[in-house]
Amino acid sequence: MKKYILFLLIVFGTVFENVAQKYGYIDSDYILDNMPEYSEAKEKLDKFAERWQKEIEDRYTAINKKRQEFMRVEAILPEEERKNRLEEIELMESETLELQQMRFGVNGDLFAKRKELIEPIQDKVFEALTEVASRGKYTFVFDKANQSNLIFADPKYDISKLVMRQLGISEK
């Protein structure tokens, strides 16, 4: 008999525990789009990226001009001069590839700038989310943005506006 009572307590305890769980979701893109500091940081980041991209494109343009010039005069150049010019073009190409990696690679300047400008804002959103989730006793909070696997979500479980209110921002 004691075994049956214990079994029933465990089963009902688990059922009641599962019923008490609260779920919610946010749309971090929506929240960030409504944050003026995020827009400013993104704009700065885009300007860096554009400037660096132009720098690389200019180098490739110079390389192409040099290569075309070389191809025009290749037949009349002495062997030593031909070899030197080819080496110069190859050196310019490898330096440009290195610059491209330095600017846009996995650990490049753009990644570092993104970390410097965007990450503190994302941390701020996460702190606000943590506060809202803790206060609202949410067991799970999902993010609808960023290629999540959240296929459908009932809008009544969207707590994005609560997070925005916690951050002190209003909708655009």
C-alpha atoms as a PDB file:
ATOM      1  CA  MET A   1       0.000   0.000   0.000  1.00  0.00           C
ATOM      2  CA  LYS A   2       2.820   2.377   0.868  1.00  0.00           C
ATOM      3  CA  LYS A   3       4.338   1.680  -2.543  1.00  0.00           C
ATOM      4  CA  TYR A   4       1.113   2.697  -4.286  1.00  0.00           C
ATOM      5  CA  ILE A   5       0.810   5.919  -2.320  1.00  0.00           C
ATOM      6  CA  LEU A   6       4.455   6.768  -3.012  1.00  0.00           C
ATOM      7  CA  PHE A   7       3.944   5.991  -6.692  1.00  0.00           C
ATOM      8  CA  LEU A   8       0.860   8.236  -6.849  1.00  0.00           C
ATOM      9  CA  LEU A   9       2.701  11.071  -5.096  1.00  0.00           C
ATOM     10  CA  ILE A  10       5.568  10.840  -7.568  1.00  0.00           C
ATOM     11  CA  VAL A  11       3.244  10.755 -10.584  1.00  0.00           C
ATOM     12  CA  PHE A  12       1.047  13.628  -9.393  1.00  0.00           C
ATOM     13  CA  GLY A  13       4.062  15.605  -8.209  1.00  0.00           C
ATOM     14  CA  THR A  14       5.605  15.332 -11.666  1.00  0.00           C
ATOM     15  CA  VAL A  15       2.334  16.266 -13.359  1.00  0.00           C
ATOM     16  CA  PHE A  16       1.860  19.331 -11.138  1.00  0.00           C
ATOM     17  CA  GLU A  17       5.476  20.337 -11.608  1.00  0.00           C
ATOM     18  CA  ASN A  18       5.072  20.216 -15.403  1.00  0.00           C
ATOM     19  CA  VAL A  19       1.839  22.196 -15.252  1.00  0.00           C
ATOM     20  CA  ALA A  20       3.550  24.953 -13.288  1.00  0.00           C
ATOM     21  CA  GLN A  21       6.195  25.582 -15.950  1.00  0.00           C
ATOM     22  CA  LYS A  22       5.848  28.825 -17.901  1.00  0.00           C
ATOM     23  CA  TYR A  23       7.103  29.294 -21.415  1.00  0.00           C
ATOM     24  CA  GLY A  24       7.661  32.437 -23.383  1.00  0.00           C
ATOM     25  CA  TYR A  25       9.559  33.760 -26.335  1.00  0.00           C
ATOM     26  CA  ILE A  26      11.152  36.954 -27.534  1.00  0.00           C
ATOM     27  CA  ASP A  27      12.066  38.340 -30.918  1.00  0.00           C
ATOM     28  CA  SER A  28      15.559  39.698 -30.319  1.00  0.00           C
ATOM     29  CA  ASP A  29      15.653  41.290 -33.790  1.00  0.00           C
ATOM     30  CA  TYR A  30      12.501  43.238 -32.964  1.00  0.00           C
ATOM     31  CA  ILE A  31      13.940  44.364 -29.638  1.00  0.00           C
ATOM     32  CA  LEU A  32      17.289  45.373 -31.133  1.00  0.00           C
ATOM     33  CA  ASP A  33      15.626  47.213 -34.030  1.00  0.00           C
ATOM     34  CA  ASN A  34      13.838  49.374 -31.472  1.00  0.00           C
ATOM     35  CA  MET A  35      17.050  50.271 -29.635  1.00  0.00           C
ATOM     36  CA  PRO A  36      18.629  53.524 -30.873  1.00  0.00           C
ATOM     37  CA  GLU A  37      22.087  52.535 -29.597  1.00  0.00           C
ATOM     38  CA  TYR A  38      21.910  49.308 -31.612  1.00  0.00           C
ATOM     39  CA  SER A  39      21.070  51.232 -34.779  1.00  0.00           C
ATOM     40  CA  GLU A  40      24.010  53.572 -34.146  1.00  0.00           C
ATOM     41  CA  ALA A  41      26.403  50.705 -33.457  1.00  0.00           C
ATOM     42  CA  LYS A  42      25.235  48.823 -36.541  1.00  0.00           C
ATOM     43  CA  GLU A  43      25.687  51.946 -38.651  1.00  0.00           C
ATOM     44  CA  LYS A  44      29.260  52.393 -37.346  1.00  0.00           C
ATOM     45  CA  LEU A  45      29.999  48.743 -38.029  1.00  0.00           C
ATOM     46  CA  ASP A  46      28.610  49.023 -41.558  1.00  0.00           C
ATOM     47  CA  LYS A  47      30.804  52.075 -42.208  1.00  0.00           C
ATOM     48  CA  PHE A  48      33.908  50.164 -41.112  1.00  0.00           C
ATOM     49  CA  ALA A  49      32.933  47.242 -43.325  1.00  0.00           C
ATOM     50  CA  GLU A  50      32.293  49.506 -46.329  1.00  0.00           C
ATOM     51  CA  ARG A  51      35.614  51.306 -45.886  1.00  0.00           C
ATOM     52  CA  TRP A  52      37.550  48.062 -45.554  1.00  0.00           C
ATOM     53  CA  GLN A  53      35.711  46.514 -48.498  1.00  0.00           C
ATOM     54  CA  LYS A  54      36.560  49.532 -50.670  1.00  0.00           C
ATOM     55  CA  GLU A  55      40.196  49.298 -49.593  1.00  0.00           C
ATOM     56  CA  ILE A  56      40.308  45.661 -50.721  1.00  0.00           C
ATOM     57  CA  GLU A  57      38.437  46.353 -53.964  1.00  0.00           C
ATOM     58  CA  ASP A  58      40.899  49.179 -54.751  1.00  0.00           C
ATOM     59  CA  ARG A  59      43.788  46.787 -54.262  1.00  0.00           C
ATOM     60  CA  TYR A  60      42.199  44.215 -56.583  1.00  0.00           C
ATOM     61  CA  THR A  61      41.641  46.941 -59.174  1.00  0.00           C
ATOM     62  CA  ALA A  62      45.327  47.891 -58.958  1.00  0.00           C
ATOM     63  CA  ILE A  63      46.322  44.229 -59.286  1.00  0.00           C
ATOM     64  CA  ASN A  64      44.112  43.795 -62.353  1.00  0.00           C
ATOM     65  CA  LYS A  65      45.610  46.918 -63.976  1.00  0.00           C
ATOM     66  CA  LYS A  66      49.107  45.664 -63.251  1.00  0.00           C
ATOM     67  CA  ARG A  67      48.239  42.219 -64.657  1.00  0.00           C
ATOM     68  CA  GLN A  68      46.718  43.722 -67.826  1.00  0.00           C
ATOM     69  CA  GLU A  69      49.779  45.947 -68.259  1.00  0.00           C
ATOM     70  CA  PHE A  70      52.006  42.922 -67.822  1.00  0.00           C
ATOM     71  CA  MET A  71      50.043  40.889 -70.382  1.00  0.00           C
ATOM     72  CA  ARG A  72      50.332  43.727 -72.914  1.00  0.00           C
ATOM     73  CA  VAL A  73      54.108  43.941 -72.670  1.00  0.00           C
ATOM     74  CA  GLU A  74      54.946  40.376 -71.626  1.00  0.00           C
ATOM     75  CA  ALA A  75      56.175  39.329 -75.072  1.00  0.00           C
ATOM     76  CA  ILE A  76      58.766  42.104 -75.281  1.00  0.00           C
ATOM     77  CA  LEU A  77      60.082  41.853 -71.728  1.00  0.00           C
ATOM     78  CA  PRO A  78      63.344  40.095 -70.934  1.00  0.00           C
ATOM     79  CA  GLU A  79      62.949  36.874 -68.934  1.00  0.00           C
ATOM     80  CA  GLU A  80      64.275  38.429 -65.702  1.00  0.00           C
ATOM     81  CA  GLU A  81      61.911  41.442 -65.918  1.00  0.00           C
ATOM     82  CA  ARG A  82      58.952  39.150 -66.702  1.00  0.00           C
ATOM     83  CA  LYS A  83      59.763  37.029 -63.647  1.00  0.00           C
ATOM     84  CA  ASN A  84      60.095  40.124 -61.405  1.00  0.00           C
ATOM     85  CA  ARG A  85      56.767  41.575 -62.530  1.00  0.00           C
ATOM     86  CA  LEU A  86      54.964  38.248 -62.018  1.00  0.00           C
ATOM     87  CA  GLU A  87      56.423  37.971 -58.520  1.00  0.00           C
ATOM     88  CA  GLU A  88      55.321  41.541 -57.784  1.00  0.00           C
ATOM     89  CA  ILE A  89      51.760  40.767 -58.913  1.00  0.00           C
ATOM     90  CA  GLU A  90      51.674  37.552 -56.876  1.00  0.00           C
ATOM     91  CA  LEU A  91      53.001  39.413 -53.836  1.00  0.00           C
ATOM     92  CA  MET A  92      50.289  42.056 -54.221  1.00  0.00           C
ATOM     93  CA  GLU A  93      47.650  39.313 -54.486  1.00  0.00           C
ATOM     94  CA  SER A  94      48.863  37.485 -51.393  1.00  0.00           C
ATOM     95  CA  GLU A  95      49.059  40.750 -49.395  1.00  0.00           C
ATOM     96  CA  THR A  96      45.508  41.589 -50.473  1.00  0.00           C
ATOM     97  CA  LEU A  97      44.268  38.138 -49.446  1.00  0.00           C
ATOM     98  CA  GLU A  98      45.985  38.582 -46.075  1.00  0.00           C
ATOM     99  CA  LEU A  99      44.358  41.986 -45.682  1.00  0.00           C
ATOM    100  CA  GLN A 100      40.992  40.475 -46.553  1.00  0.00           C
ATOM    101  CA  GLN A 101      41.472  37.807 -43.887  1.00  0.00           C
ATOM    102  CA  MET A 102      42.684  40.416 -41.403  1.00  0.00           C
ATOM    103  CA  ARG A 103      39.585  42.548 -42.001  1.00  0.00           C
ATOM    104  CA  PHE A 104      36.844  39.974 -42.610  1.00  0.00           C
ATOM    105  CA  GLY A 105      38.227  36.654 -41.349  1.00  0.00           C
ATOM    106  CA  VAL A 106      36.899  34.695 -38.398  1.00  0.00           C
ATOM    107  CA  ASN A 107      39.102  36.611 -35.954  1.00  0.00           C
ATOM    108  CA  GLY A 108      39.368  39.704 -38.128  1.00  0.00           C
ATOM    109  CA  ASP A 109      38.842  43.387 -37.479  1.00  0.00           C
ATOM    110  CA  LEU A 110      35.143  43.265 -38.361  1.00  0.00           C
ATOM    111  CA  PHE A 111      34.593  40.475 -35.833  1.00  0.00           C
ATOM    112  CA  ALA A 112      36.481  42.473 -33.168  1.00  0.00           C
ATOM    113  CA  LYS A 113      34.533  45.661 -33.965  1.00  0.00           C
ATOM    114  CA  ARG A 114      31.270  43.738 -33.826  1.00  0.00           C
ATOM    115  CA  LYS A 115      32.250  42.380 -30.440  1.00  0.00           C
ATOM    116  CA  GLU A 116      33.170  45.874 -29.254  1.00  0.00           C
ATOM    117  CA  LEU A 117      30.067  47.648 -30.563  1.00  0.00           C
ATOM    118  CA  ILE A 118      27.230  45.089 -30.634  1.00  0.00           C
ATOM    119  CA  GLU A 119      27.982  42.597 -27.875  1.00  0.00           C
ATOM    120  CA  PRO A 120      27.472  45.045 -24.953  1.00  0.00           C
ATOM    121  CA  ILE A 121      24.027  45.877 -26.339  1.00  0.00           C
ATOM    122  CA  GLN A 122      23.149  42.189 -26.678  1.00  0.00           C
ATOM    123  CA  ASP A 123      24.365  41.634 -23.114  1.00  0.00           C
ATOM    124  CA  LYS A 124      22.071  44.443 -21.968  1.00  0.00           C
ATOM    125  CA  VAL A 125      19.109  42.745 -23.686  1.00  0.00           C
ATOM    126  CA  PHE A 126      20.046  39.414 -22.107  1.00  0.00           C
ATOM    127  CA  GLU A 127      20.217  40.980 -18.635  1.00  0.00           C
ATOM    128  CA  ALA A 128      16.781  42.540 -19.130  1.00  0.00           C
ATOM    129  CA  LEU A 129      15.429  39.215 -20.394  1.00  0.00           C
ATOM    130  CA  THR A 130      16.874  37.435 -17.374  1.00  0.00           C
ATOM    131  CA  GLU A 131      15.177  39.942 -15.063  1.00  0.00           C
ATOM    132  CA  VAL A 132      11.812  39.615 -16.842  1.00  0.00           C
ATOM    133  CA  ALA A 133      12.041  35.813 -16.914  1.00  0.00           C
ATOM    134  CA  SER A 134      12.974  35.651 -13.259  1.00  0.00           C
ATOM    135  CA  ARG A 135      10.229  38.043 -12.195  1.00  0.00           C
ATOM    136  CA  GLY A 136       7.639  36.254 -14.366  1.00  0.00           C
ATOM    137  CA  LYS A 137       8.878  32.819 -13.268  1.00  0.00           C
ATOM    138  CA  TYR A 138       9.426  31.610 -16.836  1.00  0.00           C
ATOM    139  CA  THR A 139      11.019  28.184 -17.062  1.00  0.00           C
ATOM    140  CA  PHE A 140      11.966  28.545 -20.728  1.00  0.00           C
ATOM    141  CA  VAL A 141      12.283  31.571 -22.999  1.00  0.00           C
ATOM    142  CA  PHE A 142      12.987  31.010 -26.682  1.00  0.00           C
ATOM    143  CA  ASP A 143      14.249  33.478 -29.257  1.00  0.00           C
ATOM    144  CA  LYS A 144      12.121  33.668 -32.383  1.00  0.00           C
ATOM    145  CA  ALA A 145      14.881  35.443 -34.341  1.00  0.00           C
ATOM    146  CA  ASN A 146      18.250  34.219 -35.567  1.00  0.00           C
ATOM    147  CA  GLN A 147      17.257  31.113 -37.505  1.00  0.00           C
ATOM    148  CA  SER A 148      15.617  29.399 -34.576  1.00  0.00           C
ATOM    149  CA  ASN A 149      13.635  26.221 -34.976  1.00  0.00           C
ATOM    150  CA  LEU A 150      10.580  27.912 -33.511  1.00  0.00           C
ATOM    151  CA  ILE A 151       8.055  27.221 -36.247  1.00  0.00           C
ATOM    152  CA  PHE A 152       4.953  28.647 -34.588  1.00  0.00           C
ATOM    153  CA  ALA A 153       4.483  30.699 -31.459  1.00  0.00           C
ATOM    154  CA  ASP A 154       1.244  32.073 -30.079  1.00  0.00           C
ATOM    155  CA  PRO A 155       1.606  35.865 -29.730  1.00  0.00           C
ATOM    156  CA  LYS A 156       0.210  35.741 -26.204  1.00  0.00           C
ATOM    157  CA  TYR A 157       3.505  34.121 -25.107  1.00  0.00           C
ATOM    158  CA  ASP A 158       5.638  36.877 -26.688  1.00  0.00           C
ATOM    159  CA  ILE A 159       7.405  38.742 -23.882  1.00  0.00           C
ATOM    160  CA  SER A 160       9.460  40.999 -26.175  1.00  0.00           C
ATOM    161  CA  LYS A 161       7.558  44.096 -25.058  1.00  0.00           C
ATOM    162  CA  LEU A 162       8.165  43.249 -21.407  1.00  0.00           C
ATOM    163  CA  VAL A 163      11.898  43.050 -22.117  1.00  0.00           C
ATOM    164  CA  MET A 164      11.728  46.356 -24.006  1.00  0.00           C
ATOM    165  CA  ARG A 165       9.924  47.944 -21.072  1.00  0.00           C
ATOM    166  CA  GLN A 166      12.629  46.596 -18.753  1.00  0.00           C
ATOM    167  CA  LEU A 167      15.214  48.234 -21.024  1.00  0.00           C
ATOM    168  CA  GLY A 168      13.249  51.492 -21.002  1.00  0.00           C
ATOM    169  CA  ILE A 169      12.640  51.585 -24.747  1.00  0.00           C
ATOM    170  CA  SER A 170       9.437  51.992 -26.677  1.00  0.00           C
ATOM    171  CA  GLU A 171       8.355  50.734 -30.080  1.00  0.00           C
ATOM    172  CA  LYS A 172       9.263  52.705 -33.161  1.00  0.00           C
END
